[in-house]
């Protein structure tokens, strides 16, 4: 009886320890991942002009020249 109770208590303590370890584990993001998140959060450039027909993708259309950031 004492041995069974001891095994049970050791199991419970082990499970609690594993639970708290997983809960306190932090996920570190690299600078590259943070840059990617920031780029996705900024959205697409609205100052975009497309000219001609060609191989460059611009707003879903294949064009010859694409100009970004023109104001």
PDB file of N, CA and C in Angstrom:
ATOM      1  N   UNK A   1       0.820  -1.183   0.000  1.00  0.00           N
ATOM      2  CA  UNK A   1       0.000   0.000   0.000  1.00  0.00           C
ATOM      3  C   UNK A   1       0.871   1.255   0.000  1.00  0.00           C
ATOM      4  N   UNK A   2       1.914   1.284   0.876  1.00  0.00           N
ATOM      5  CA  UNK A   2       2.785   2.446   0.943  1.00  0.00           C
ATOM      6  C   UNK A   2       3.550   2.635  -0.368  1.00  0.00           C
ATOM      7  N   UNK A   3       3.955   1.525  -0.966  1.00  0.00           N
ATOM      8  CA  UNK A   3       4.719   1.589  -2.206  1.00  0.00           C
ATOM      9  C   UNK A   3       3.849   2.127  -3.349  1.00  0.00           C
ATOM     10  N   UNK A   4       2.602   1.711  -3.411  1.00  0.00           N
ATOM     11  CA  UNK A   4       1.671   2.184  -4.446  1.00  0.00           C
ATOM     12  C   UNK A   4       1.412   3.674  -4.269  1.00  0.00           C
ATOM     13  N   UNK A   5       1.209   4.098  -3.033  1.00  0.00           N
ATOM     14  CA  UNK A   5       0.980   5.516  -2.752  1.00  0.00           C
ATOM     15  C   UNK A   5       2.212   6.338  -3.120  1.00  0.00           C
ATOM     16  N   UNK A   6       3.402   5.822  -2.828  1.00  0.00           N
ATOM     17  CA  UNK A   6       4.638   6.521  -3.162  1.00  0.00           C
ATOM     18  C   UNK A   6       4.790   6.658  -4.682  1.00  0.00           C
ATOM     19  N   UNK A   7       4.497   5.593  -5.433  1.00  0.00           N
ATOM     20  CA  UNK A   7       4.572   5.643  -6.895  1.00  0.00           C
ATOM     21  C   UNK A   7       3.569   6.650  -7.449  1.00  0.00           C
ATOM     22  N   UNK A   8       2.376   6.676  -6.866  1.00  0.00           N
ATOM     23  CA  UNK A   8       1.349   7.606  -7.310  1.00  0.00           C
ATOM     24  C   UNK A   8       1.792   9.056  -7.080  1.00  0.00           C
ATOM     25  N   UNK A   9       2.322   9.333  -5.895  1.00  0.00           N
ATOM     26  CA  UNK A   9       2.777  10.687  -5.576  1.00  0.00           C
ATOM     27  C   UNK A   9       3.946  11.115  -6.462  1.00  0.00           C
ATOM     28  N   UNK A  10       4.871  10.211  -6.721  1.00  0.00           N
ATOM     29  CA  UNK A  10       6.003  10.519  -7.604  1.00  0.00           C
ATOM     30  C   UNK A  10       5.493  10.812  -9.019  1.00  0.00           C
ATOM     31  N   UNK A  11       4.522  10.053  -9.484  1.00  0.00           N
ATOM     32  CA  UNK A  11       3.941  10.293 -10.802  1.00  0.00           C
ATOM     33  C   UNK A  11       3.249  11.643 -10.893  1.00  0.00           C
ATOM     34  N   UNK A  12       2.472  11.988  -9.864  1.00  0.00           N
ATOM     35  CA  UNK A  12       1.769  13.279  -9.847  1.00  0.00           C
ATOM     36  C   UNK A  12       2.773  14.434  -9.826  1.00  0.00           C
ATOM     37  N   UNK A  13       3.796  14.319  -8.996  1.00  0.00           N
ATOM     38  CA  UNK A  13       4.812  15.372  -8.909  1.00  0.00           C
ATOM     39  C   UNK A  13       5.557  15.509 -10.237  1.00  0.00           C
ATOM     40  N   UNK A  14       5.831  14.388 -10.889  1.00  0.00           N
ATOM     41  CA  UNK A  14       6.503  14.431 -12.190  1.00  0.00           C
ATOM     42  C   UNK A  14       5.636  15.118 -13.241  1.00  0.00           C
ATOM     43  N   UNK A  15       4.352  14.791 -13.249  1.00  0.00           N
ATOM     44  CA  UNK A  15       3.447  15.427 -14.209  1.00  0.00           C
ATOM     45  C   UNK A  15       3.319  16.924 -13.954  1.00  0.00           C
ATOM     46  N   UNK A  16       3.232  17.310 -12.695  1.00  0.00           N
ATOM     47  CA  UNK A  16       3.156  18.740 -12.369  1.00  0.00           C
ATOM     48  C   UNK A  16       4.443  19.464 -12.778  1.00  0.00           C
ATOM     49  N   UNK A  17       5.569  18.851 -12.546  1.00  0.00           N
ATOM     50  CA  UNK A  17       6.842  19.453 -12.942  1.00  0.00           C
ATOM     51  C   UNK A  17       6.933  19.632 -14.447  1.00  0.00           C
ATOM     52  N   UNK A  18       6.511  18.606 -15.204  1.00  0.00           N
ATOM     53  CA  UNK A  18       6.530  18.702 -16.666  1.00  0.00           C
ATOM     54  C   UNK A  18       5.570  19.782 -17.149  1.00  0.00           C
ATOM     55  N   UNK A  19       4.413  19.887 -16.522  1.00  0.00           N
ATOM     56  CA  UNK A  19       3.430  20.900 -16.908  1.00  0.00           C
ATOM     57  C   UNK A  19       3.996  22.304 -16.708  1.00  0.00           C
ATOM     58  N   UNK A  20       4.576  22.575 -15.545  1.00  0.00           N
ATOM     59  CA  UNK A  20       5.124  23.899 -15.276  1.00  0.00           C
ATOM     60  C   UNK A  20       6.339  24.200 -16.147  1.00  0.00           C
ATOM     61  N   UNK A  21       7.118  23.190 -16.496  1.00  0.00           N
ATOM     62  CA  UNK A  21       8.254  23.396 -17.384  1.00  0.00           C
ATOM     63  C   UNK A  21       7.771  23.830 -18.766  1.00  0.00           C
ATOM     64  N   UNK A  22       6.764  23.175 -19.283  1.00  0.00           N
ATOM     65  CA  UNK A  22       6.239  23.511 -20.602  1.00  0.00           C
ATOM     66  C   UNK A  22       5.588  24.888 -20.596  1.00  0.00           C
ATOM     67  N   UNK A  23       4.895  25.235 -19.523  1.00  0.00           N
ATOM     68  CA  UNK A  23       4.226  26.523 -19.441  1.00  0.00           C
ATOM     69  C   UNK A  23       5.217  27.686 -19.356  1.00  0.00           C
ATOM     70  N   UNK A  24       6.358  27.489 -18.735  1.00  0.00           N
ATOM     71  CA  UNK A  24       7.319  28.577 -18.570  1.00  0.00           C
ATOM     72  C   UNK A  24       8.342  28.642 -19.696  1.00  0.00           C
ATOM     73  N   UNK A  25       8.354  27.671 -20.589  1.00  0.00           N
ATOM     74  CA  UNK A  25       9.301  27.666 -21.690  1.00  0.00           C
ATOM     75  C   UNK A  25       8.942  28.776 -22.669  1.00  0.00           C
ATOM     76  N   UNK A  26       9.899  29.621 -23.002  1.00  0.00           N
ATOM     77  CA  UNK A  26       9.651  30.746 -23.893  1.00  0.00           C
ATOM     78  C   UNK A  26      10.185  30.427 -25.279  1.00  0.00           C
ATOM     79  N   UNK A  27       9.488  30.950 -26.273  1.00  0.00           N
ATOM     80  CA  UNK A  27       9.907  30.755 -27.651  1.00  0.00           C
ATOM     81  C   UNK A  27      10.623  32.025 -28.115  1.00  0.00           C
ATOM     82  N   UNK A  28      11.880  31.888 -28.461  1.00  0.00           N
ATOM     83  CA  UNK A  28      12.663  33.034 -28.919  1.00  0.00           C
ATOM     84  C   UNK A  28      12.599  33.112 -30.436  1.00  0.00           C
ATOM     85  N   UNK A  29      12.258  34.285 -30.939  1.00  0.00           N
ATOM     86  CA  UNK A  29      12.211  34.498 -32.379  1.00  0.00           C
ATOM     87  C   UNK A  29      13.501  35.166 -32.830  1.00  0.00           C
ATOM     88  N   UNK A  30      14.007  34.736 -33.961  1.00  0.00           N
ATOM     89  CA  UNK A  30      15.220  35.330 -34.490  1.00  0.00           C
ATOM     90  C   UNK A  30      14.893  36.696 -35.095  1.00  0.00           C
ATOM     91  N   UNK A  31      15.930  37.464 -35.366  1.00  0.00           N
ATOM     92  CA  UNK A  31      15.739  38.771 -35.984  1.00  0.00           C
ATOM     93  C   UNK A  31      15.087  38.636 -37.359  1.00  0.00           C
ATOM     94  N   UNK A  32      15.450  37.583 -38.089  1.00  0.00           N
ATOM     95  CA  UNK A  32      14.855  37.362 -39.406  1.00  0.00           C
ATOM     96  C   UNK A  32      13.360  37.121 -39.299  1.00  0.00           C
ATOM     97  N   UNK A  33      12.948  36.323 -38.331  1.00  0.00           N
ATOM     98  CA  UNK A  33      11.522  36.054 -38.143  1.00  0.00           C
ATOM     99  C   UNK A  33      10.782  37.329 -37.757  1.00  0.00           C
ATOM    100  N   UNK A  34      11.384  38.149 -36.889  1.00  0.00           N
ATOM    101  CA  UNK A  34      10.749  39.410 -36.501  1.00  0.00           C
ATOM    102  C   UNK A  34      10.661  40.374 -37.682  1.00  0.00           C
ATOM    103  N   UNK A  35      11.684  40.399 -38.540  1.00  0.00           N
ATOM    104  CA  UNK A  35      11.635  41.240 -39.742  1.00  0.00           C
ATOM    105  C   UNK A  35      10.531  40.781 -40.681  1.00  0.00           C
ATOM    106  N   UNK A  36      10.361  39.473 -40.806  1.00  0.00           N
ATOM    107  CA  UNK A  36       9.299  38.943 -41.665  1.00  0.00           C
ATOM    108  C   UNK A  36       7.925  39.304 -41.119  1.00  0.00           C
ATOM    109  N   UNK A  37       7.751  39.225 -39.822  1.00  0.00           N
ATOM    110  CA  UNK A  37       6.469  39.580 -39.208  1.00  0.00           C
ATOM    111  C   UNK A  37       6.181  41.059 -39.425  1.00  0.00           C
ATOM    112  N   UNK A  38       7.197  41.886 -39.268  1.00  0.00           N
ATOM    113  CA  UNK A  38       7.020  43.323 -39.469  1.00  0.00           C
ATOM    114  C   UNK A  38       6.668  43.635 -40.920  1.00  0.00           C
ATOM    115  N   UNK A  39       7.311  42.952 -41.863  1.00  0.00           N
ATOM    116  CA  UNK A  39       7.023  43.181 -43.280  1.00  0.00           C
ATOM    117  C   UNK A  39       5.597  42.763 -43.623  1.00  0.00           C
ATOM    118  N   UNK A  40       5.146  41.669 -43.051  1.00  0.00           N
ATOM    119  CA  UNK A  40       3.770  41.232 -43.306  1.00  0.00           C
ATOM    120  C   UNK A  40       2.757  42.187 -42.687  1.00  0.00           C
ATOM    121  N   UNK A  41       3.103  42.773 -41.563  1.00  0.00           N
ATOM    122  CA  UNK A  41       2.184  43.673 -40.881  1.00  0.00           C
ATOM    123  C   UNK A  41       2.043  45.010 -41.601  1.00  0.00           C
ATOM    124  N   UNK A  42       3.060  45.409 -42.361  1.00  0.00           N
ATOM    125  CA  UNK A  42       3.021  46.694 -43.051  1.00  0.00           C
ATOM    126  C   UNK A  42       2.063  46.695 -44.232  1.00  0.00           C
ATOM    127  N   UNK A  43       1.793  45.562 -44.802  1.00  0.00           N
ATOM    128  CA  UNK A  43       0.901  45.504 -45.962  1.00  0.00           C
ATOM    129  C   UNK A  43       1.652  45.780 -47.247  1.00  0.00           C
ATOM    130  N   UNK A  44       0.902  45.892 -48.320  1.00  0.00           N
ATOM    131  CA  UNK A  44       1.514  46.107 -49.616  1.00  0.00           C
ATOM    132  C   UNK A  44       1.670  47.586 -49.905  1.00  0.00           C
ATOM    133  N   UNK A  45       2.635  47.880 -50.736  1.00  0.00           N
ATOM    134  CA  UNK A  45       2.905  49.251 -51.125  1.00  0.00           C
ATOM    135  C   UNK A  45       1.781  49.751 -52.032  1.00  0.00           C
ATOM    136  N   UNK A  46       1.183  50.873 -51.691  1.00  0.00           N
ATOM    137  CA  UNK A  46       0.099  51.410 -52.519  1.00  0.00           C
ATOM    138  C   UNK A  46       0.628  52.319 -53.615  1.00  0.00           C
ATOM    139  N   UNK A  47       1.891  52.773 -53.502  1.00  0.00           N
ATOM    140  CA  UNK A  47       2.496  53.616 -54.528  1.00  0.00           C
ATOM    141  C   UNK A  47       3.195  52.730 -55.547  1.00  0.00           C
ATOM    142  N   UNK A  48       2.430  52.023 -56.354  1.00  0.00           N
ATOM    143  CA  UNK A  48       2.977  51.055 -57.283  1.00  0.00           C
ATOM    144  C   UNK A  48       2.398  51.315 -58.662  1.00  0.00           C
ATOM    145  N   UNK A  49       3.290  51.470 -59.644  1.00  0.00           N
ATOM    146  CA  UNK A  49       2.856  51.720 -61.017  1.00  0.00           C
ATOM    147  C   UNK A  49       3.441  50.658 -61.931  1.00  0.00           C
ATOM    148  N   UNK A  50       2.647  50.180 -62.880  1.00  0.00           N
ATOM    149  CA  UNK A  50       3.046  49.105 -63.770  1.00  0.00           C
ATOM    150  C   UNK A  50       2.927  49.581 -65.223  1.00  0.00           C
ATOM    151  N   UNK A  51       3.939  49.241 -66.051  1.00  0.00           N
ATOM    152  CA  UNK A  51       3.931  49.670 -67.451  1.00  0.00           C
ATOM    153  C   UNK A  51       4.290  48.525 -68.380  1.00  0.00           C
ATOM    154  N   UNK A  52       3.586  48.428 -69.509  1.00  0.00           N
ATOM    155  CA  UNK A  52       3.914  47.493 -70.579  1.00  0.00           C
ATOM    156  C   UNK A  52       3.513  46.062 -70.283  1.00  0.00           C
ATOM    157  N   UNK A  53       3.934  45.190 -71.203  1.00  0.00           N
ATOM    158  CA  UNK A  53       3.692  43.755 -71.068  1.00  0.00           C
ATOM    159  C   UNK A  53       5.032  43.052 -71.014  1.00  0.00           C
ATOM    160  N   UNK A  54       5.183  42.112 -70.061  1.00  0.00           N
ATOM    161  CA  UNK A  54       6.464  41.430 -69.921  1.00  0.00           C
ATOM    162  C   UNK A  54       6.402  40.300 -68.913  1.00  0.00           C
ATOM    163  N   UNK A  55       7.509  40.106 -68.192  1.00  0.00           N
ATOM    164  CA  UNK A  55       7.642  38.967 -67.279  1.00  0.00           C
ATOM    165  C   UNK A  55       7.587  39.340 -65.800  1.00  0.00           C
ATOM    166  N   UNK A  56       7.509  40.614 -65.467  1.00  0.00           N
ATOM    167  CA  UNK A  56       7.510  41.035 -64.073  1.00  0.00           C
ATOM    168  C   UNK A  56       6.080  41.040 -63.551  1.00  0.00           C
ATOM    169  N   UNK A  57       5.872  40.440 -62.367  1.00  0.00           N
ATOM    170  CA  UNK A  57       4.543  40.390 -61.771  1.00  0.00           C
ATOM    171  C   UNK A  57       4.270  41.695 -61.038  1.00  0.00           C
ATOM    172  N   UNK A  58       3.164  42.349 -61.386  1.00  0.00           N
ATOM    173  CA  UNK A  58       2.784  43.606 -60.760  1.00  0.00           C
ATOM    174  C   UNK A  58       1.273  43.608 -60.582  1.00  0.00           C
ATOM    175  N   UNK A  59       0.828  43.513 -59.323  1.00  0.00           N
ATOM    176  CA  UNK A  59      -0.604  43.465 -59.017  1.00  0.00           C
ATOM    177  C   UNK A  59      -1.301  42.322 -59.751  1.00  0.00           C
ATOM    178  N   UNK A  60      -0.617  41.217 -59.925  1.00  0.00           N
ATOM    179  CA  UNK A  60      -1.204  40.050 -60.566  1.00  0.00           C
ATOM    180  C   UNK A  60      -1.148  40.084 -62.080  1.00  0.00           C
ATOM    181  N   UNK A  61      -0.510  41.089 -62.665  1.00  0.00           N
ATOM    182  CA  UNK A  61      -0.408  41.224 -64.119  1.00  0.00           C
ATOM    183  C   UNK A  61       1.069  41.161 -64.504  1.00  0.00           C
ATOM    184  N   UNK A  62       1.386  40.522 -65.612  1.00  0.00           N
ATOM    185  CA  UNK A  62       2.762  40.468 -66.096  1.00  0.00           C
ATOM    186  C   UNK A  62       3.057  41.749 -66.869  1.00  0.00           C
ATOM    187  N   UNK A  63       4.087  42.493 -66.421  1.00  0.00           N
ATOM    188  CA  UNK A  63       4.419  43.776 -67.035  1.00  0.00           C
ATOM    189  C   UNK A  63       5.898  43.835 -67.371  1.00  0.00           C
ATOM    190  N   UNK A  64       6.280  44.885 -68.118  1.00  0.00           N
ATOM    191  CA  UNK A  64       7.668  45.077 -68.511  1.00  0.00           C
ATOM    192  C   UNK A  64       8.434  45.875 -67.457  1.00  0.00           C
ATOM    193  N   UNK A  65       7.809  46.917 -66.867  1.00  0.00           N
ATOM    194  CA  UNK A  65       8.458  47.743 -65.851  1.00  0.00           C
ATOM    195  C   UNK A  65       7.528  47.947 -64.672  1.00  0.00           C
ATOM    196  N   UNK A  66       8.140  47.972 -63.488  1.00  0.00           N
ATOM    197  CA  UNK A  66       7.381  48.182 -62.256  1.00  0.00           C
ATOM    198  C   UNK A  66       8.116  49.231 -61.424  1.00  0.00           C
ATOM    199  N   UNK A  67       7.411  50.247 -60.972  1.00  0.00           N
ATOM    200  CA  UNK A  67       7.998  51.315 -60.192  1.00  0.00           C
ATOM    201  C   UNK A  67       7.354  51.327 -58.811  1.00  0.00           C
ATOM    202  N   UNK A  68       8.178  51.218 -57.775  1.00  0.00           N
ATOM    203  CA  UNK A  68       7.705  51.224 -56.394  1.00  0.00           C
ATOM    204  C   UNK A  68       8.030  52.560 -55.745  1.00  0.00           C
ATOM    205  N   UNK A  69       7.154  53.033 -54.876  1.00  0.00           N
ATOM    206  CA  UNK A  69       7.435  54.182 -54.046  1.00  0.00           C
ATOM    207  C   UNK A  69       7.422  55.522 -54.733  1.00  0.00           C
ATOM    208  N   UNK A  70       6.833  55.622 -55.896  1.00  0.00           N
ATOM    209  CA  UNK A  70       6.721  56.904 -56.583  1.00  0.00           C
ATOM    210  C   UNK A  70       5.596  57.695 -55.945  1.00  0.00           C
ATOM    211  N   UNK A  71       5.875  58.945 -55.624  1.00  0.00           N
ATOM    212  CA  UNK A  71       4.842  59.783 -54.999  1.00  0.00           C
ATOM    213  C   UNK A  71       4.464  60.927 -55.877  1.00  0.00           C
TER     214      UNK A  71
END
